[in-house]
Amino acid sequence: MASRPPRFVYFDLGNVIALFDRGVAARQMAAVAGITPDAALEAMMDGGLQRRLESGAIDWGEFHAQFGAATGSTSDPARLADAASDMFTLNVPILPVIGALEKARVRTGILSNTCAPHWEHLLRRRFAILPGRFAEIVLSHEVRAAKPDRAIYDIAAARAGVPPEEILFVDDLAENVAAAREAGWQAEVFVSAPDLADRIARRGINLGL
């Protein structure tokens, strides 16, 4: 356990702040492109397109072209982007934890592997928490680095403006948490909002929850 309370807390976006269902996206993209959901999912995930999009190696125009080539399909790029992005719901139980950190004067941020269509869709949903009062928002496609690569943690640490050991990172994927710890951060795998509140309290921050 860390010897000092964290002064900055980074939250992952997907399945921490906002829940998502990749199967829903695949079915919606399949309907737009006239292919099967399995074909859409294979092109995105097994073919590495989503990873390249999130890491900033390609933009949505290039994704759309490569997705069409991989699946033998044609589609409207804007409709496909909407279909790929309309899979999020707000994780309401996390909101009191974020609010309590703000009340405790602990700065917070977002550190997420995401792409421009997904982020823009979330902003259009007008969730009050996004972009909210987060001190820093580090998005993989903007900084051209993605978790669990060390580069994105170094970028996020520099933006936080505190020593790495005073940053707490919360992510639903164990490999991303392990990478944060390798970078010298405190880090927790997200299981639930009550579990996270307890873990934060044990790190010396009184959330009043």
Protein backbone atom coordinates (compact mmCIF):
# COMPACT_ATOMS: atom_id res chain seq x y z
CA MET A 1 0.00 0.00 0.00
CA ALA A 2 1.15 3.53 -0.82
CA SER A 3 2.84 5.53 1.94
CA ARG A 4 1.05 8.79 1.07
CA PRO A 5 -2.46 9.65 -0.17
CA PRO A 6 -2.73 10.29 -3.91
CA ARG A 7 -2.95 13.92 -4.99
CA PHE A 8 -4.28 13.16 -8.46
CA VAL A 9 -6.69 10.42 -9.59
CA TYR A 10 -6.99 9.36 -13.23
CA PHE A 11 -10.08 7.41 -14.27
CA ASP A 12 -10.37 5.21 -17.31
CA LEU A 13 -13.40 6.10 -19.44
CA GLY A 14 -14.77 2.83 -20.81
CA ASN A 15 -16.39 0.54 -18.22
CA VAL A 16 -15.42 2.91 -15.41
CA ILE A 17 -17.10 6.26 -16.15
CA ALA A 18 -19.20 5.00 -19.05
CA LEU A 19 -20.20 1.39 -19.64
CA PHE A 20 -20.10 0.05 -23.19
CA ASP A 21 -21.11 -3.04 -25.15
CA ARG A 22 -18.92 -3.85 -28.15
CA GLY A 23 -21.50 -6.40 -29.33
CA VAL A 24 -24.09 -3.65 -29.68
CA ALA A 25 -21.67 -1.62 -31.79
CA ALA A 26 -20.88 -4.64 -33.99
CA ARG A 27 -24.57 -5.32 -34.64
CA GLN A 28 -25.27 -1.69 -35.47
CA MET A 29 -22.24 -1.42 -37.77
CA ALA A 30 -23.25 -4.67 -39.46
CA ALA A 31 -26.72 -3.29 -40.15
CA VAL A 32 -25.26 -0.15 -41.75
CA ALA A 33 -22.67 -2.04 -43.82
CA GLY A 34 -24.85 -4.99 -44.80
CA ILE A 35 -22.58 -7.62 -43.24
CA THR A 36 -22.74 -9.95 -40.24
CA PRO A 37 -21.93 -8.75 -36.72
CA ASP A 38 -19.16 -11.36 -36.54
CA ALA A 39 -17.56 -9.91 -39.68
CA ALA A 40 -17.74 -6.39 -38.24
CA LEU A 41 -16.24 -7.49 -34.93
CA GLU A 42 -13.46 -9.46 -36.62
CA ALA A 43 -12.46 -6.51 -38.79
CA MET A 44 -12.44 -4.13 -35.83
CA MET A 45 -10.81 -6.22 -33.16
CA ASP A 46 -9.05 -9.24 -34.66
CA GLY A 47 -7.84 -7.17 -37.60
CA GLY A 48 -6.44 -4.51 -35.30
CA LEU A 49 -8.38 -1.61 -36.80
CA GLN A 50 -9.79 -0.42 -33.50
CA ARG A 51 -6.38 -0.44 -31.85
CA ARG A 52 -4.86 1.59 -34.70
CA LEU A 53 -7.74 4.06 -34.54
CA GLU A 54 -7.43 4.49 -30.78
CA SER A 55 -3.66 4.90 -30.92
CA GLY A 56 -3.94 7.65 -33.52
CA ALA A 57 -2.18 5.61 -36.22
CA ILE A 58 -5.22 6.11 -38.49
CA ASP A 59 -8.15 8.51 -38.47
CA TRP A 60 -11.82 7.69 -39.00
CA GLY A 61 -11.60 8.15 -42.78
CA GLU A 62 -8.80 5.59 -42.97
CA PHE A 63 -10.65 3.28 -40.58
CA HIS A 64 -13.76 3.46 -42.73
CA ALA A 65 -11.84 2.68 -45.91
CA GLN A 66 -9.96 -0.23 -44.35
CA PHE A 67 -13.11 -1.56 -42.69
CA GLY A 68 -14.85 -1.58 -46.06
CA ALA A 69 -11.92 -3.33 -47.72
CA ALA A 70 -11.69 -5.94 -44.96
CA THR A 71 -15.40 -6.74 -45.00
CA GLY A 72 -16.13 -6.18 -48.70
CA SER A 73 -18.75 -3.60 -47.77
CA THR A 74 -19.71 -0.05 -48.59
CA SER A 75 -21.31 2.37 -46.13
CA ASP A 76 -21.75 6.02 -45.29
CA PRO A 77 -18.83 6.99 -43.01
CA ALA A 78 -20.95 9.22 -40.74
CA ARG A 79 -23.63 6.56 -40.28
CA LEU A 80 -20.99 3.93 -39.56
CA ALA A 81 -19.36 6.19 -36.98
CA ASP A 82 -22.69 6.71 -35.23
CA ALA A 83 -23.34 2.97 -35.29
CA ALA A 84 -19.90 2.26 -33.82
CA SER A 85 -20.30 4.84 -31.07
CA ASP A 86 -23.88 4.46 -29.84
CA MET A 87 -23.05 1.79 -27.26
CA PHE A 88 -22.39 3.79 -24.09
CA THR A 89 -24.38 4.29 -20.89
CA LEU A 90 -23.27 6.38 -17.94
CA ASN A 91 -21.99 4.41 -14.94
CA VAL A 92 -24.08 6.37 -12.45
CA PRO A 93 -22.70 4.74 -9.24
CA ILE A 94 -19.22 6.17 -9.96
CA LEU A 95 -20.47 9.77 -9.84
CA PRO A 96 -20.53 10.15 -6.02
CA VAL A 97 -16.94 8.88 -5.85
CA ILE A 98 -15.77 11.48 -8.35
CA GLY A 99 -17.79 14.17 -6.58
CA ALA A 100 -16.35 13.19 -3.20
CA LEU A 101 -12.80 13.46 -4.56
CA GLU A 102 -13.60 16.95 -5.81
CA LYS A 103 -14.98 17.89 -2.38
CA ALA A 104 -11.80 16.52 -0.80
CA ARG A 105 -9.82 18.79 -3.17
CA VAL A 106 -8.15 15.90 -4.97
CA ARG A 107 -7.66 16.72 -8.65
CA THR A 108 -9.03 14.20 -11.13
CA GLY A 109 -8.58 13.35 -14.79
CA ILE A 110 -9.48 10.91 -17.54
CA LEU A 111 -6.90 8.60 -19.09
CA SER A 112 -8.55 6.60 -21.84
CA ASN A 113 -7.94 4.51 -24.92
CA THR A 114 -10.60 5.94 -27.19
CA CYS A 115 -11.14 7.39 -30.66
CA ALA A 116 -12.58 10.64 -31.94
CA PRO A 117 -16.02 9.24 -32.92
CA HIS A 118 -16.52 7.65 -29.50
CA TRP A 119 -15.42 10.76 -27.58
CA GLU A 120 -17.49 13.10 -29.74
CA HIS A 121 -20.53 10.84 -29.31
CA LEU A 122 -20.12 10.88 -25.53
CA LEU A 123 -19.93 14.67 -25.53
CA ARG A 124 -23.09 14.85 -27.68
CA ARG A 125 -24.90 12.74 -25.09
CA ARG A 126 -24.45 15.73 -22.78
CA PHE A 127 -23.57 13.69 -19.71
CA ALA A 128 -22.93 16.29 -17.00
CA ILE A 129 -19.72 14.50 -15.98
CA LEU A 130 -18.19 14.91 -19.47
CA PRO A 131 -16.06 16.87 -19.92
CA GLY A 132 -17.01 18.06 -16.44
CA ARG A 133 -14.43 19.49 -14.10
CA PHE A 134 -11.63 17.03 -14.81
CA ALA A 135 -8.29 18.80 -14.54
CA GLU A 136 -6.76 16.75 -17.37
CA ILE A 137 -8.23 14.59 -20.14
CA VAL A 138 -5.66 12.36 -21.84
CA LEU A 139 -7.11 10.53 -24.85
CA SER A 140 -5.04 7.97 -26.72
CA HIS A 141 -5.98 9.07 -30.23
CA GLU A 142 -4.97 12.66 -29.44
CA VAL A 143 -1.60 11.87 -27.86
CA ARG A 144 -0.87 8.99 -30.30
CA ALA A 145 -0.11 6.50 -27.57
CA ALA A 146 -2.33 3.88 -25.96
CA LYS A 147 -2.41 1.89 -22.74
CA PRO A 148 -0.61 -0.24 -21.71
CA ASP A 149 2.33 1.41 -23.56
CA ARG A 150 4.54 3.39 -21.18
CA ALA A 151 4.41 6.56 -23.29
CA ILE A 152 0.81 7.44 -22.44
CA TYR A 153 1.48 7.13 -18.71
CA ASP A 154 4.48 9.45 -18.98
CA ILE A 155 2.38 12.00 -20.87
CA ALA A 156 -0.42 11.78 -18.31
CA ALA A 157 2.00 12.08 -15.38
CA ALA A 158 3.55 15.21 -16.84
CA ARG A 159 0.11 16.76 -17.25
CA ALA A 160 -0.93 15.84 -13.70
CA GLY A 161 1.97 17.87 -12.37
CA VAL A 162 2.64 15.65 -9.36
CA PRO A 163 5.21 12.87 -8.80
CA PRO A 164 4.14 9.50 -10.31
CA GLU A 165 3.87 7.94 -6.85
CA GLU A 166 1.18 10.50 -5.96
CA ILE A 167 -1.08 9.52 -8.89
CA LEU A 168 -3.82 6.92 -8.48
CA PHE A 169 -5.11 5.26 -11.65
CA VAL A 170 -8.41 3.35 -11.91
CA ASP A 171 -8.98 1.02 -14.88
CA ASP A 172 -11.10 -2.06 -15.52
CA LEU A 173 -8.26 -3.94 -17.25
CA ALA A 174 -5.56 -5.56 -15.14
CA GLU A 175 -2.88 -5.11 -17.81
CA ASN A 176 -3.40 -1.34 -17.81
CA VAL A 177 -3.26 -1.23 -14.02
CA ALA A 178 -0.05 -3.29 -14.05
CA ALA A 179 1.50 -0.87 -16.56
CA ALA A 180 0.58 2.09 -14.35
CA ARG A 181 2.29 0.44 -11.40
CA GLU A 182 5.36 -0.17 -13.56
CA ALA A 183 5.37 3.58 -14.23
CA GLY A 184 5.49 4.21 -10.49
CA TRP A 185 1.82 5.05 -10.01
CA GLN A 186 -0.64 3.79 -7.47
CA ALA A 187 -3.33 1.85 -9.33
CA GLU A 188 -6.51 -0.17 -8.75
CA VAL A 189 -8.57 -2.50 -10.94
CA PHE A 190 -12.13 -1.18 -11.06
CA VAL A 191 -14.70 -3.68 -9.84
CA SER A 192 -17.49 -1.48 -8.51
CA ALA A 193 -18.00 2.03 -7.16
CA PRO A 194 -18.37 0.88 -3.51
CA ASP A 195 -15.21 -1.22 -3.77
CA LEU A 196 -13.32 1.72 -5.26
CA ALA A 197 -14.54 4.08 -2.54
CA ASP A 198 -13.24 1.65 0.06
CA ARG A 199 -9.87 1.31 -1.68
CA ILE A 200 -9.49 5.09 -1.95
CA ALA A 201 -10.34 5.49 1.73
CA ARG A 202 -7.67 2.94 2.62
CA ARG A 203 -5.20 5.10 0.71
CA GLY A 204 -5.83 7.97 3.11
CA ILE A 205 -8.54 10.06 1.43
CA ASN A 206 -11.72 10.60 3.44
CA LEU A 207 -14.54 10.57 0.87
CA GLY A 208 -17.36 10.83 3.38
CA LEU A 209 -19.24 8.00 1.64
